[in-house]
């Protein structure tokens, strides 16, 4: 299913009920990520975004790591049970996860080359990541997946790096579990655009 750009953005939602099945091949998923890495813009053409695609056992391993880390931090058994249930039914239940990283060695290099903007480069890197997140999210939905965006970093960073041999220079920004949609999200509420847009 291929939508027009505006339709794709309009239909992008957070899906919290996903199944371990895929409407497309793993190669098609890889192509989506490659497309994003190639065509999404970045400040100073830094191309600092790094993506890690976890499928199958690797996908499930990520969410087991997340649960293990949270179990050490959440004192209440009842509170952890609720968190565990959410992870199991909304994230781990899916087909895969995309990890979004920023290569901070590139950020540091740009800070050195352009000291005037030193304080801005980490912010611009986050903005670059955000654009990649939107593009990947929208394209995954366009081929029939449901996805959501999660932020268990920095709690899980160390164990994730150790598990998959990720460079210390890479900074984890977000996790995007995806799978076949089981249930559609509720209708979205919109605040007045008049309060958020000025035209002169």
Protein backbone atom coordinates (compact mmCIF):
# COMPACT_ATOMS: atom_id res chain seq x y z
CA UNK A 1 0.00 0.00 0.00
CA UNK A 2 1.54 3.29 -1.08
CA UNK A 3 0.03 6.56 0.11
CA UNK A 4 0.70 10.14 -0.79
CA UNK A 5 3.07 11.89 1.62
CA UNK A 6 0.32 13.82 3.43
CA UNK A 7 -1.77 10.66 3.79
CA UNK A 8 1.22 8.78 5.19
CA UNK A 9 1.79 11.44 7.85
CA UNK A 10 -1.90 11.57 8.67
CA UNK A 11 -2.11 7.81 9.19
CA UNK A 12 1.07 7.49 11.29
CA UNK A 13 0.05 6.60 14.84
CA UNK A 14 1.36 4.83 17.94
CA UNK A 15 0.32 1.18 17.78
CA UNK A 16 0.52 -0.59 21.14
CA UNK A 17 -1.08 -3.85 20.02
CA UNK A 18 1.20 -5.57 17.52
CA UNK A 19 1.85 -9.18 16.48
CA UNK A 20 4.94 -11.14 15.50
CA UNK A 21 4.21 -11.20 11.79
CA UNK A 22 5.21 -9.13 8.79
CA UNK A 23 3.37 -7.98 5.64
CA UNK A 24 6.73 -7.66 3.80
CA UNK A 25 10.08 -9.44 3.58
CA UNK A 26 12.99 -8.68 5.90
CA UNK A 27 14.81 -7.32 2.85
CA UNK A 28 12.00 -4.79 2.33
CA UNK A 29 12.40 -3.64 5.94
CA UNK A 30 16.13 -3.24 5.39
CA UNK A 31 15.44 -1.21 2.23
CA UNK A 32 13.25 1.19 4.24
CA UNK A 33 16.08 1.82 6.70
CA UNK A 34 18.63 2.21 3.90
CA UNK A 35 16.33 4.70 2.16
CA UNK A 36 16.04 6.77 5.35
CA UNK A 37 19.78 6.77 5.95
CA UNK A 38 20.40 7.88 2.39
CA UNK A 39 17.72 10.53 1.93
CA UNK A 40 16.90 12.10 5.32
CA UNK A 41 18.76 15.42 5.75
CA UNK A 42 21.23 16.22 8.51
CA UNK A 43 22.93 19.42 9.71
CA UNK A 44 26.17 20.07 7.79
CA UNK A 45 25.38 16.83 5.92
CA UNK A 46 26.82 15.07 8.97
CA UNK A 47 24.99 11.78 8.26
CA UNK A 48 25.47 10.96 11.95
CA UNK A 49 22.42 8.73 12.39
CA UNK A 50 23.04 5.02 12.91
CA UNK A 51 20.31 2.37 12.81
CA UNK A 52 20.27 -1.15 14.23
CA UNK A 53 17.55 -3.55 13.07
CA UNK A 54 16.70 -6.34 15.50
CA UNK A 55 14.56 -9.24 14.24
CA UNK A 56 13.48 -12.58 15.69
CA UNK A 57 15.41 -13.68 18.78
CA UNK A 58 17.45 -10.45 18.74
CA UNK A 59 14.26 -8.38 18.94
CA UNK A 60 13.00 -10.43 21.88
CA UNK A 61 16.41 -10.28 23.55
CA UNK A 62 16.25 -6.47 23.55
CA UNK A 63 12.97 -6.45 25.45
CA UNK A 64 14.19 -9.10 27.89
CA UNK A 65 17.20 -6.87 28.58
CA UNK A 66 14.83 -3.96 29.12
CA UNK A 67 12.74 -5.95 31.59
CA UNK A 68 15.85 -7.14 33.46
CA UNK A 69 17.13 -3.58 33.82
CA UNK A 70 13.76 -2.24 34.95
CA UNK A 71 13.26 -5.10 37.42
CA UNK A 72 16.42 -3.96 39.23
CA UNK A 73 15.08 -0.42 39.47
CA UNK A 74 11.38 -0.88 40.21
CA UNK A 75 10.96 -1.75 43.88
CA UNK A 76 7.24 -2.55 43.83
CA UNK A 77 6.38 -6.03 42.50
CA UNK A 78 2.97 -4.76 41.41
CA UNK A 79 4.48 -1.83 39.50
CA UNK A 80 6.97 -4.11 37.73
CA UNK A 81 4.21 -6.58 36.82
CA UNK A 82 2.34 -3.80 35.01
CA UNK A 83 5.52 -2.66 33.24
CA UNK A 84 6.36 -6.24 32.25
CA UNK A 85 2.86 -6.80 30.87
CA UNK A 86 3.09 -3.62 28.80
CA UNK A 87 6.47 -4.61 27.36
CA UNK A 88 5.31 -8.16 26.60
CA UNK A 89 2.07 -7.17 24.87
CA UNK A 90 3.02 -3.86 23.22
CA UNK A 91 6.71 -4.14 22.26
CA UNK A 92 8.16 -7.65 22.61
CA UNK A 93 5.04 -9.08 20.95
CA UNK A 94 6.02 -7.44 17.65
CA UNK A 95 8.10 -8.55 14.69
CA UNK A 96 11.17 -6.38 15.22
CA UNK A 97 12.69 -3.23 16.68
CA UNK A 98 14.67 -0.41 15.14
CA UNK A 99 17.25 1.21 17.42
CA UNK A 100 18.09 4.83 16.62
CA UNK A 101 21.61 6.02 17.49
CA UNK A 102 23.72 9.10 16.84
CA UNK A 103 27.46 8.75 16.23
CA UNK A 104 28.95 11.25 18.67
CA UNK A 105 32.42 10.98 17.13
CA UNK A 106 30.99 12.87 14.15
CA UNK A 107 29.39 15.43 16.46
CA UNK A 108 32.71 15.99 18.26
CA UNK A 109 34.52 16.33 14.91
CA UNK A 110 32.08 19.02 13.78
CA UNK A 111 32.40 20.80 17.14
CA UNK A 112 36.14 20.97 16.60
CA UNK A 113 35.86 22.13 12.98
CA UNK A 114 33.14 24.72 13.64
CA UNK A 115 33.64 25.99 17.23
CA UNK A 116 31.12 28.80 16.74
CA UNK A 117 28.35 26.20 16.68
CA UNK A 118 29.87 23.86 19.26
CA UNK A 119 26.89 23.94 21.61
CA UNK A 120 24.40 23.38 18.80
CA UNK A 121 25.77 20.20 17.21
CA UNK A 122 24.40 17.79 19.87
CA UNK A 123 20.97 19.44 19.47
CA UNK A 124 21.15 19.21 15.69
CA UNK A 125 22.11 15.53 15.99
CA UNK A 126 18.94 14.90 18.02
CA UNK A 127 16.92 16.72 15.36
CA UNK A 128 18.53 14.57 12.66
CA UNK A 129 17.55 11.47 14.61
CA UNK A 130 13.99 12.76 14.99
CA UNK A 131 13.67 13.15 11.22
CA UNK A 132 14.91 9.59 10.71
CA UNK A 133 12.42 8.36 13.30
CA UNK A 134 9.50 10.03 11.52
CA UNK A 135 10.52 8.74 8.10
CA UNK A 136 11.12 5.16 9.26
CA UNK A 137 7.93 5.15 11.33
CA UNK A 138 5.85 6.48 8.41
CA UNK A 139 7.37 4.11 5.88
CA UNK A 140 6.88 1.09 8.15
CA UNK A 141 3.21 2.00 8.53
CA UNK A 142 2.92 2.59 4.79
CA UNK A 143 3.81 -1.07 4.10
CA UNK A 144 1.33 -2.32 6.72
CA UNK A 145 3.15 -2.33 10.06
CA UNK A 146 2.07 -0.73 13.33
CA UNK A 147 4.85 0.89 15.36
CA UNK A 148 5.53 3.09 18.38
CA UNK A 149 8.48 5.06 19.70
CA UNK A 150 10.00 4.17 23.07
CA UNK A 151 12.74 5.71 25.23
CA UNK A 152 14.28 3.25 27.67
CA UNK A 153 17.66 4.87 27.14
CA UNK A 154 19.95 5.56 28.93
CA UNK A 155 18.89 2.76 31.31
CA UNK A 156 19.50 -0.02 28.79
CA UNK A 157 22.42 1.48 26.85
CA UNK A 158 25.28 -0.39 28.52
CA UNK A 159 23.73 -3.85 28.21
CA UNK A 160 22.59 -3.20 24.64
CA UNK A 161 26.10 -2.12 23.64
CA UNK A 162 27.56 -5.24 25.26
CA UNK A 163 25.01 -7.58 23.66
CA UNK A 164 25.49 -6.40 20.08
CA UNK A 165 29.01 -4.94 20.18
CA UNK A 166 27.87 -1.36 19.60
CA UNK A 167 30.51 1.39 19.59
CA UNK A 168 30.86 3.55 22.69
CA UNK A 169 30.70 6.53 20.32
CA UNK A 170 27.09 5.73 19.44
CA UNK A 171 24.46 7.39 21.62
CA UNK A 172 21.11 5.58 21.86
CA UNK A 173 18.20 7.94 21.16
CA UNK A 174 15.08 5.76 20.80
CA UNK A 175 13.64 2.31 20.21
CA UNK A 176 10.89 1.57 17.67
CA UNK A 177 9.12 -1.79 18.06
CA UNK A 178 6.96 -2.75 15.10
CA UNK A 179 4.72 -5.61 13.97
CA UNK A 180 1.43 -6.36 12.29
CA UNK A 181 -1.33 -4.22 13.85
CA UNK A 182 -3.73 -6.14 16.06
CA UNK A 183 -5.84 -3.21 17.25
CA UNK A 184 -6.13 0.34 15.90
CA UNK A 185 -5.33 3.26 18.21
CA UNK A 186 -8.12 5.41 19.59
CA UNK A 187 -9.05 8.56 17.71
CA UNK A 188 -6.46 11.29 18.12
CA UNK A 189 -7.36 14.61 19.73
CA UNK A 190 -6.00 17.75 18.10
CA UNK A 191 -5.34 21.05 19.82
CA UNK A 192 -6.37 24.16 17.93
CA UNK A 193 -3.95 25.01 15.14
CA UNK A 194 -4.85 28.69 15.65
CA UNK A 195 -2.99 28.59 18.98
CA UNK A 196 0.10 27.04 17.39
CA UNK A 197 0.53 28.90 14.11
CA UNK A 198 1.32 32.56 13.49
CA UNK A 199 1.16 34.02 9.98
CA UNK A 200 2.33 37.56 9.22
